[in-house]
């Protein structure tokens, strides 16, 4: 399974990359705003910085909601870097945009998917990724249990914040075993 970090924070992206487990990054307007990324040029520059840090797909979301606006923004975003995957909302206009972009070999990630029907339409339109949300919008993958559930369900990619990914490392027996090894190692010196 691939791990995509869901953030626009460069420090968190760097930390996940340096851990050696980062396969890609997903962003959205809320994450970009949280990092105080403002203005057209700043947005494109930030996406370029992320792409230069990551050897994998980087989802960059369109802001438009109409077909022509999404297609115009998608072309511009795709031109920023070869790793950009254009994130498109799962609406009727979004499905049309995905179909059009797919025909032009522009990779897409269909977002705001909440049911199987939406996922099927996005896949049929040609989306490279379909990003279903777990439950409500604020209840997407936020805990290590959610990651394990995705693994068990056969997901190819999980996208979540860094904290639950790092949480996969936590286990009381790992800590206990390491403490014992360190204690025994001191006896060897």
Protein backbone atom coordinates (compact mmCIF):
# COMPACT_ATOMS: atom_id res chain seq x y z
CA UNK A 1 0.00 0.00 0.00
CA UNK A 2 1.19 3.51 -0.78
CA UNK A 3 1.25 6.28 1.82
CA UNK A 4 0.29 9.80 0.75
CA UNK A 5 0.52 12.52 3.38
CA UNK A 6 -2.46 14.87 3.49
CA UNK A 7 -0.86 18.25 4.14
CA UNK A 8 0.62 21.36 2.59
CA UNK A 9 3.11 21.74 5.45
CA UNK A 10 6.64 21.46 4.05
CA UNK A 11 8.15 20.35 7.39
CA UNK A 12 5.70 17.47 7.70
CA UNK A 13 6.32 16.45 4.09
CA UNK A 14 10.07 16.52 4.71
CA UNK A 15 9.68 14.42 7.89
CA UNK A 16 7.61 11.76 6.08
CA UNK A 17 10.05 11.77 3.15
CA UNK A 18 13.04 11.39 5.46
CA UNK A 19 11.34 8.46 7.19
CA UNK A 20 11.45 6.76 3.79
CA UNK A 21 7.77 5.89 3.55
CA UNK A 22 6.34 8.79 1.54
CA UNK A 23 4.81 7.89 -1.81
CA UNK A 24 2.95 11.11 -2.51
CA UNK A 25 1.14 14.16 -1.17
CA UNK A 26 -2.46 15.32 -1.29
CA UNK A 27 -3.46 18.90 -0.68
CA UNK A 28 -6.69 20.85 -0.74
CA UNK A 29 -7.66 24.51 -0.37
CA UNK A 30 -8.18 24.14 3.39
CA UNK A 31 -4.68 22.68 3.89
CA UNK A 32 -3.12 25.40 1.72
CA UNK A 33 -4.97 28.13 3.65
CA UNK A 34 -3.79 26.60 6.95
CA UNK A 35 -0.22 27.17 5.73
CA UNK A 36 -1.12 30.77 4.83
CA UNK A 37 -0.51 30.22 1.10
CA UNK A 38 -2.15 33.22 -0.54
CA UNK A 39 -2.30 34.39 -4.13
CA UNK A 40 -2.06 32.64 -7.47
CA UNK A 41 1.73 32.75 -7.84
CA UNK A 42 2.30 31.66 -4.23
CA UNK A 43 0.01 28.66 -4.75
CA UNK A 44 1.87 27.51 -7.86
CA UNK A 45 5.24 28.09 -6.19
CA UNK A 46 4.17 26.05 -3.17
CA UNK A 47 3.06 23.16 -5.38
CA UNK A 48 6.39 23.30 -7.19
CA UNK A 49 8.25 23.16 -3.85
CA UNK A 50 6.25 20.12 -2.78
CA UNK A 51 6.94 18.38 -6.09
CA UNK A 52 10.67 19.02 -5.73
CA UNK A 53 10.61 17.33 -2.30
CA UNK A 54 8.59 14.26 -3.27
CA UNK A 55 9.32 11.50 -5.75
CA UNK A 56 5.67 10.67 -6.34
CA UNK A 57 2.28 12.07 -7.18
CA UNK A 58 1.18 15.38 -5.69
CA UNK A 59 -2.52 16.16 -5.80
CA UNK A 60 -3.28 19.83 -6.43
CA UNK A 61 -6.94 20.83 -6.30
CA UNK A 62 -8.75 23.12 -8.68
CA UNK A 63 -10.66 25.99 -7.10
CA UNK A 64 -13.23 26.39 -9.88
CA UNK A 65 -16.51 24.49 -9.80
CA UNK A 66 -17.60 24.99 -13.42
CA UNK A 67 -16.30 22.82 -16.28
CA UNK A 68 -14.42 25.51 -18.20
CA UNK A 69 -12.84 26.87 -15.04
CA UNK A 70 -11.75 23.41 -13.89
CA UNK A 71 -10.24 22.60 -17.29
CA UNK A 72 -8.33 25.90 -17.42
CA UNK A 73 -6.99 25.50 -13.88
CA UNK A 74 -6.18 21.83 -14.44
CA UNK A 75 -4.05 22.62 -17.50
CA UNK A 76 -2.14 25.24 -15.53
CA UNK A 77 -1.64 23.00 -12.50
CA UNK A 78 -0.49 20.08 -14.66
CA UNK A 79 2.12 22.34 -16.27
CA UNK A 80 3.72 23.13 -12.88
CA UNK A 81 5.48 19.74 -12.57
CA UNK A 82 5.25 16.22 -13.99
CA UNK A 83 4.19 14.87 -10.57
CA UNK A 84 1.03 16.97 -10.35
CA UNK A 85 -2.24 15.05 -10.27
CA UNK A 86 -5.18 17.42 -10.61
CA UNK A 87 -7.74 17.02 -7.85
CA UNK A 88 -11.32 17.44 -9.09
CA UNK A 89 -14.54 17.41 -6.99
CA UNK A 90 -17.05 14.62 -7.56
CA UNK A 91 -19.81 16.66 -9.19
CA UNK A 92 -21.40 16.36 -12.62
CA UNK A 93 -19.10 19.11 -13.91
CA UNK A 94 -16.17 17.40 -12.18
CA UNK A 95 -16.87 14.06 -13.87
CA UNK A 96 -16.99 15.84 -17.24
CA UNK A 97 -13.67 17.52 -16.41
CA UNK A 98 -12.08 14.20 -15.42
CA UNK A 99 -13.21 12.65 -18.69
CA UNK A 100 -11.80 15.54 -20.72
CA UNK A 101 -8.51 15.63 -18.79
CA UNK A 102 -8.13 11.86 -19.03
CA UNK A 103 -8.43 12.12 -22.83
CA UNK A 104 -5.51 14.61 -22.70
CA UNK A 105 -3.43 12.29 -20.46
CA UNK A 106 -3.69 14.65 -17.50
CA UNK A 107 -3.82 12.60 -14.30
CA UNK A 108 -6.72 13.28 -11.94
CA UNK A 109 -7.77 12.52 -8.39
CA UNK A 110 -11.54 12.64 -7.82
CA UNK A 111 -12.22 14.03 -4.34
CA UNK A 112 -15.25 14.43 -2.09
CA UNK A 113 -16.41 10.90 -2.87
CA UNK A 114 -18.87 9.60 -0.28
CA UNK A 115 -20.51 6.59 -1.94
CA UNK A 116 -19.79 3.69 -4.26
CA UNK A 117 -21.78 5.20 -7.13
CA UNK A 118 -19.62 8.33 -7.13
CA UNK A 119 -16.48 6.19 -7.06
CA UNK A 120 -17.63 4.13 -10.04
CA UNK A 121 -18.45 7.26 -12.06
CA UNK A 122 -15.05 8.79 -11.27
CA UNK A 123 -13.23 5.59 -12.26
CA UNK A 124 -15.27 5.26 -15.44
CA UNK A 125 -14.45 8.87 -16.35
CA UNK A 126 -10.75 8.00 -16.07
CA UNK A 127 -9.63 9.25 -12.66
CA UNK A 128 -6.21 7.88 -11.65
CA UNK A 129 -7.26 8.12 -8.02
CA UNK A 130 -10.65 8.10 -6.35
CA UNK A 131 -10.52 9.59 -2.86
CA UNK A 132 -13.41 8.31 -0.75
CA UNK A 133 -13.97 9.88 2.63
CA UNK A 134 -14.60 7.68 5.64
CA UNK A 135 -17.95 8.83 6.99
CA UNK A 136 -18.35 12.58 7.34
CA UNK A 137 -15.96 15.13 5.84
CA UNK A 138 -14.24 15.66 9.20
CA UNK A 139 -14.00 11.90 9.85
CA UNK A 140 -11.57 10.86 7.16
CA UNK A 141 -8.45 8.87 8.00
CA UNK A 142 -7.21 10.38 11.26
CA UNK A 143 -6.21 7.37 13.38
CA UNK A 144 -3.92 4.39 12.94
CA UNK A 145 -6.96 2.10 13.17
CA UNK A 146 -8.34 3.76 10.02
CA UNK A 147 -5.08 3.01 8.18
CA UNK A 148 -5.19 -0.63 9.26
CA UNK A 149 -8.86 -0.83 8.19
CA UNK A 150 -7.85 0.49 4.75
CA UNK A 151 -5.06 -2.09 4.52
CA UNK A 152 -7.45 -4.89 5.43
CA UNK A 153 -9.98 -3.63 2.87
CA UNK A 154 -7.34 -3.82 0.14
CA UNK A 155 -6.85 -0.11 -0.51
CA UNK A 156 -3.98 0.68 -2.85
CA UNK A 157 -3.31 4.11 -1.34
CA UNK A 158 -4.05 5.72 1.99
CA UNK A 159 -3.89 9.48 2.34
CA UNK A 160 -3.81 10.95 5.81
CA UNK A 161 -1.94 13.35 8.07
CA UNK A 162 1.53 12.44 9.32
CA UNK A 163 0.44 11.74 12.91
CA UNK A 164 -1.50 8.51 12.24
CA UNK A 165 1.28 7.25 9.96
CA UNK A 166 3.81 7.79 12.76
CA UNK A 167 1.33 6.18 15.14
CA UNK A 168 1.81 2.89 13.28
CA UNK A 169 5.26 2.74 14.90
CA UNK A 170 3.83 2.81 18.43
CA UNK A 171 3.42 -0.49 20.23
CA UNK A 172 4.05 -1.14 23.93
CA UNK A 173 5.86 -4.42 23.24
CA UNK A 174 8.27 -2.65 20.86
CA UNK A 175 9.14 -0.18 23.62
CA UNK A 176 9.43 -2.92 26.22
CA UNK A 177 11.58 -5.11 23.96
CA UNK A 178 13.87 -2.21 23.07
CA UNK A 179 14.32 -1.30 26.73
CA UNK A 180 15.31 -4.93 27.48
CA UNK A 181 17.78 -5.01 24.57
CA UNK A 182 19.36 -1.73 25.69
CA UNK A 183 19.61 -3.05 29.26
CA UNK A 184 21.25 -6.30 28.07
CA UNK A 185 23.55 -4.40 25.70
CA UNK A 186 24.94 -2.44 28.67
CA UNK A 187 25.92 -5.73 30.29
CA UNK A 188 27.97 -6.59 27.21
CA UNK A 189 30.14 -3.48 27.41
